[in-house]
N, C-alpha and C. Protein backbone atom coordinates (compact mmCIF):
# COMPACT_ATOMS: atom_id res chain seq x y z
N MET A 1 28.69 34.09 0.16
CA MET A 1 27.35 34.58 -0.64
C MET A 1 27.24 33.44 -1.44
N ASN A 2 27.61 32.49 -2.17
CA ASN A 2 27.18 31.67 -3.40
C ASN A 2 26.69 30.29 -2.71
N PHE A 3 27.22 30.07 -1.05
CA PHE A 3 26.95 28.88 -0.87
C PHE A 3 25.31 29.21 -0.22
N LEU A 4 25.03 30.08 0.38
CA LEU A 4 23.90 30.56 0.93
C LEU A 4 23.00 30.17 0.04
N ASN A 5 23.14 31.15 -1.54
CA ASN A 5 22.29 30.83 -2.43
C ASN A 5 22.38 29.26 -3.05
N GLN A 6 23.43 28.57 -2.83
CA GLN A 6 23.09 26.91 -3.32
C GLN A 6 22.34 26.35 -2.54
N ARG A 7 22.28 26.54 -1.35
CA ARG A 7 21.58 25.78 -0.04
C ARG A 7 19.68 26.16 -0.02
N THR A 8 19.82 27.84 -0.28
CA THR A 8 18.29 28.32 -0.74
C THR A 8 17.89 27.45 -1.52
N GLU A 9 18.19 27.28 -2.52
CA GLU A 9 17.74 26.77 -4.08
C GLU A 9 17.29 25.33 -4.29
N LEU A 10 18.68 24.76 -2.92
CA LEU A 10 18.44 23.08 -3.09
C LEU A 10 16.81 23.20 -1.95
N ILE A 11 16.82 23.77 -1.14
CA ILE A 11 16.14 23.57 0.01
C ILE A 11 14.46 24.14 -0.66
N LYS A 12 14.42 25.07 -2.13
CA LYS A 12 13.77 25.03 -2.63
C LYS A 12 13.01 23.66 -3.25
N GLY A 13 14.17 23.50 -3.80
CA GLY A 13 13.46 22.14 -4.72
C GLY A 13 13.06 21.05 -4.02
N VAL A 14 13.99 21.33 -2.70
CA VAL A 14 13.42 19.67 -1.70
C VAL A 14 11.66 20.29 -1.43
N ALA A 15 11.07 21.26 -1.04
CA ALA A 15 10.32 21.35 -0.59
C ALA A 15 9.26 21.34 -2.08
N ILE A 16 9.20 21.70 -3.24
CA ILE A 16 8.83 21.43 -4.12
C ILE A 16 8.33 20.18 -4.55
N GLY A 17 9.42 19.22 -4.48
CA GLY A 17 9.05 17.66 -4.66
C GLY A 17 8.97 17.17 -3.71
N VAL A 18 8.55 17.95 -2.50
CA VAL A 18 7.90 17.26 -1.36
C VAL A 18 6.12 17.50 -2.29
N GLY A 19 6.30 18.86 -1.96
CA GLY A 19 4.57 19.30 -2.58
C GLY A 19 4.43 18.14 -3.53
N VAL A 20 4.68 18.32 -4.43
CA VAL A 20 4.81 17.27 -6.11
C VAL A 20 4.26 16.24 -5.64
N CYS A 21 5.18 15.29 -4.70
CA CYS A 21 4.33 13.89 -4.10
C CYS A 21 3.35 14.13 -3.21
N VAL A 22 2.92 14.96 -2.31
CA VAL A 22 1.77 14.91 -1.61
C VAL A 22 0.28 14.83 -2.67
N VAL A 23 1.07 16.05 -3.70
CA VAL A 23 -0.42 15.98 -4.40
C VAL A 23 -0.43 14.83 -5.23
N GLY A 24 0.00 14.49 -5.61
CA GLY A 24 0.18 12.56 -6.39
C GLY A 24 -0.14 12.23 -5.46
N TYR A 25 0.20 12.26 -4.37
CA TYR A 25 -0.35 10.84 -3.55
C TYR A 25 -1.67 11.26 -3.35
N VAL A 26 -2.33 12.07 -3.20
CA VAL A 26 -3.99 13.00 -2.65
C VAL A 26 -4.81 12.53 -4.15
N ALA A 27 -4.50 12.75 -5.01
CA ALA A 27 -4.76 12.24 -6.27
C ALA A 27 -5.02 11.15 -6.64
N TYR A 28 -3.97 10.28 -6.26
CA TYR A 28 -4.00 8.81 -6.45
C TYR A 28 -5.08 8.17 -5.89
N LYS A 29 -5.28 8.37 -4.08
CA LYS A 29 -6.23 8.05 -3.38
C LYS A 29 -7.25 8.62 -3.57
N LYS A 30 -7.64 9.53 -3.96
CA LYS A 30 -9.30 9.79 -4.71
C LYS A 30 -9.36 9.19 -6.15
N ASN A 31 -8.72 8.70 -6.55
CA ASN A 31 -9.00 7.48 -7.45
C ASN A 31 -8.11 6.09 -7.69
N GLU A 32 -7.81 5.79 -6.80
CA GLU A 32 -7.36 4.40 -6.10
C GLU A 32 -8.00 3.19 -7.70
N ASP A 33 -9.28 3.66 -7.22
CA ASP A 33 -9.97 2.16 -7.80
C ASP A 33 -9.64 2.05 -9.32
N ALA A 34 -9.63 3.55 -9.99
CA ALA A 34 -9.76 3.41 -11.66
C ALA A 34 -8.61 3.66 -11.51
N VAL A 35 -7.66 3.78 -11.02
CA VAL A 35 -5.92 3.98 -11.56
C VAL A 35 -5.67 2.44 -11.23
N ASN A 36 -5.77 1.61 -10.48
CA ASN A 36 -5.67 0.53 -10.06
C ASN A 36 -6.22 -0.47 -11.39
N SER A 37 -7.33 -0.50 -11.49
CA SER A 37 -7.68 -1.01 -12.61
C SER A 37 -7.19 -0.28 -14.12
N PHE A 38 -6.93 0.89 -14.22
CA PHE A 38 -5.67 1.22 -15.68
C PHE A 38 -5.16 0.38 -15.76
N LEU A 39 -4.13 -0.04 -14.55
CA LEU A 39 -2.99 -0.31 -14.20
C LEU A 39 -2.80 -2.06 -14.86
N ASN A 40 -4.02 -2.52 -13.78
CA ASN A 40 -4.31 -4.24 -14.07
C ASN A 40 -4.83 -4.16 -15.54
N ASN A 41 -5.46 -3.44 -16.58
CA ASN A 41 -5.36 -3.45 -17.75
C ASN A 41 -4.46 -3.60 -18.66
N HIS A 42 -3.28 -3.16 -18.55
CA HIS A 42 -1.97 -3.06 -18.90
C HIS A 42 -1.06 -3.68 -18.42
N GLY A 43 -1.22 -4.68 -17.76
CA GLY A 43 -0.25 -5.61 -17.60
C GLY A 43 0.30 -5.77 -16.23
N PHE A 44 -0.11 -4.55 -15.39
CA PHE A 44 0.75 -4.31 -14.10
C PHE A 44 -0.21 -5.17 -13.14
N ASN A 45 0.34 -5.64 -12.00
CA ASN A 45 -0.39 -6.84 -11.04
C ASN A 45 -0.80 -5.96 -9.91
N ILE A 46 -1.82 -4.99 -9.71
CA ILE A 46 -2.33 -4.41 -8.61
C ILE A 46 -3.16 -4.61 -8.14
N GLU A 47 -2.57 -5.48 -6.72
CA GLU A 47 -3.85 -6.27 -6.06
C GLU A 47 -4.35 -5.15 -4.77
N SER A 48 -5.88 -5.17 -5.02
CA SER A 48 -6.23 -4.48 -3.49
C SER A 48 -6.93 -5.32 -3.13
N GLY A 49 -6.10 -4.52 -1.57
CA GLY A 49 -6.07 -5.20 -0.09
C GLY A 49 -7.95 -5.32 0.41
N ASN A 50 -8.91 -4.26 0.02
CA ASN A 50 -9.77 -3.53 0.03
C ASN A 50 -10.94 -4.56 -0.10
N ASN A 51 -10.73 -5.01 -1.06
CA ASN A 51 -11.85 -5.21 -1.85
C ASN A 51 -11.44 -6.93 -2.67
N THR A 52 -11.11 -7.81 -1.45
CA THR A 52 -10.55 -9.05 -1.93
C THR A 52 -11.77 -9.74 -2.34
N ASP A 53 -11.97 -10.35 -3.16
CA ASP A 53 -13.36 -11.53 -3.93
C ASP A 53 -12.66 -12.94 -3.62
N PHE A 54 -12.77 -13.40 -2.98
CA PHE A 54 -12.33 -14.92 -2.88
C PHE A 54 -12.57 -15.73 -3.53
N TYR A 55 -13.86 -15.43 -3.28
CA TYR A 55 -14.27 -16.87 -4.78
C TYR A 55 -13.56 -16.81 -6.38
N SER A 56 -13.36 -15.89 -6.49
CA SER A 56 -12.65 -15.52 -7.73
C SER A 56 -11.37 -15.67 -8.13
N MET A 57 -11.09 -16.12 -6.31
CA MET A 57 -9.31 -16.71 -6.89
C MET A 57 -9.61 -17.94 -6.91
N SER A 58 -7.93 -18.30 -7.78
CA SER A 58 -7.38 -19.65 -8.53
C SER A 58 -6.78 -20.14 -6.78
N LEU A 59 -6.98 -21.31 -6.82
CA LEU A 59 -6.27 -21.95 -5.59
C LEU A 59 -5.07 -21.86 -5.11
N GLU A 60 -4.85 -21.65 -5.96
CA GLU A 60 -3.16 -21.45 -5.74
C GLU A 60 -3.21 -20.08 -4.64
N LYS A 61 -3.74 -19.08 -5.20
CA LYS A 61 -3.80 -18.16 -4.58
C LYS A 61 -4.82 -17.92 -3.25
N LEU A 62 -5.66 -18.50 -3.56
CA LEU A 62 -5.96 -18.87 -1.75
C LEU A 62 -5.15 -19.89 -1.10
N MET A 63 -4.31 -20.08 -1.67
CA MET A 63 -3.54 -21.30 -0.27
C MET A 63 -2.57 -20.48 -0.01
N GLU A 64 -2.23 -19.03 -1.08
CA GLU A 64 -0.91 -18.28 -0.67
C GLU A 64 -1.27 -17.50 0.29
N THR A 65 -2.75 -17.06 0.26
CA THR A 65 -3.24 -16.07 1.18
C THR A 65 -3.49 -16.53 2.72
N LYS A 66 -4.27 -17.96 2.25
CA LYS A 66 -3.86 -18.78 3.67
C LYS A 66 -2.81 -18.58 4.30
N GLU A 67 -1.53 -19.38 3.75
CA GLU A 67 -0.46 -19.03 4.72
C GLU A 67 -0.32 -17.56 4.55
N THR A 68 -0.65 -17.09 4.58
CA THR A 68 -0.04 -15.69 4.83
C THR A 68 -0.60 -15.40 6.06
N ILE A 69 -2.04 -15.08 5.93
CA ILE A 69 -2.78 -15.15 7.46
C ILE A 69 -2.11 -15.96 8.71
N GLU A 70 -2.15 -17.69 8.03
CA GLU A 70 -1.96 -18.47 9.63
C GLU A 70 -0.25 -17.92 9.84
N ASP A 71 0.92 -17.69 8.94
CA ASP A 71 2.16 -16.32 9.53
C ASP A 71 2.03 -14.99 10.41
N ILE A 72 0.50 -14.51 9.60
CA ILE A 72 0.40 -13.82 10.71
C ILE A 72 -0.05 -13.82 12.09
N ILE A 73 -0.73 -14.73 12.11
CA ILE A 73 -1.44 -14.81 13.51
C ILE A 73 -0.29 -15.88 14.44
N ALA A 74 0.54 -16.35 14.07
CA ALA A 74 1.68 -16.98 14.49
C ALA A 74 2.36 -15.76 15.40
N GLU A 75 2.41 -15.39 14.29
CA GLU A 75 3.89 -14.01 14.64
C GLU A 75 3.06 -13.63 16.05
N LYS A 76 1.69 -12.88 16.03
CA LYS A 76 1.16 -12.03 16.96
C LYS A 76 0.96 -13.21 17.86
N ASP A 77 0.71 -14.33 17.87
CA ASP A 77 0.67 -15.39 19.03
C ASP A 77 1.88 -15.27 19.19
N LEU A 78 3.35 -15.45 19.23
CA LEU A 78 4.44 -15.15 19.67
C LEU A 78 4.76 -13.88 20.13
N ASN A 79 4.41 -13.14 19.98
CA ASN A 79 4.86 -11.47 20.56
C ASN A 79 3.34 -11.28 21.93
N GLY A 80 2.36 -12.43 22.12
CA GLY A 80 1.35 -12.09 22.89
C GLY A 80 0.24 -11.23 22.91
N VAL A 81 -0.06 -11.27 21.58
CA VAL A 81 -1.27 -10.84 20.88
C VAL A 81 -2.59 -11.60 21.56
N THR A 82 -3.59 -11.38 22.50
CA THR A 82 -4.41 -11.96 22.93
C THR A 82 -5.83 -12.04 21.77
N ILE A 83 -5.97 -13.10 21.49
CA ILE A 83 -6.92 -13.20 20.57
C ILE A 83 -8.20 -12.87 21.09
N VAL A 84 -9.37 -12.76 20.64
CA VAL A 84 -10.50 -12.44 21.02
C VAL A 84 -11.32 -13.08 20.41
N SER A 85 -12.27 -14.22 20.71
CA SER A 85 -13.79 -14.68 19.64
C SER A 85 -14.65 -13.54 19.99
N THR A 86 -15.43 -13.42 18.73
CA THR A 86 -17.00 -12.58 18.87
C THR A 86 -17.72 -13.46 18.27
N GLU A 87 -17.66 -14.74 18.03
CA GLU A 87 -18.63 -15.65 17.92
C GLU A 87 -19.45 -15.90 19.49
N ALA A 88 -20.63 -16.30 18.90
CA ALA A 88 -21.45 -16.50 20.26
C ALA A 88 -21.22 -17.93 20.76
């Protein structure tokens, strides 16, 4: 009987933990820009991948980004991903 009670408490604790994580994630995603800005102002380097301003990046950061993109292209090329140009 004691084992069943401990197991029930464990399951309840896991469910509460998952619920808290989901609520925290949803709250973060709704306020992502504000949270990232706050963290950046307090010494944490949080990069936003969707709003990249290449003109304000340092040359070193631009070169790192270029190398990352070239690595991704090479990896996709090796895996047989077809690249279709959208230019006229």
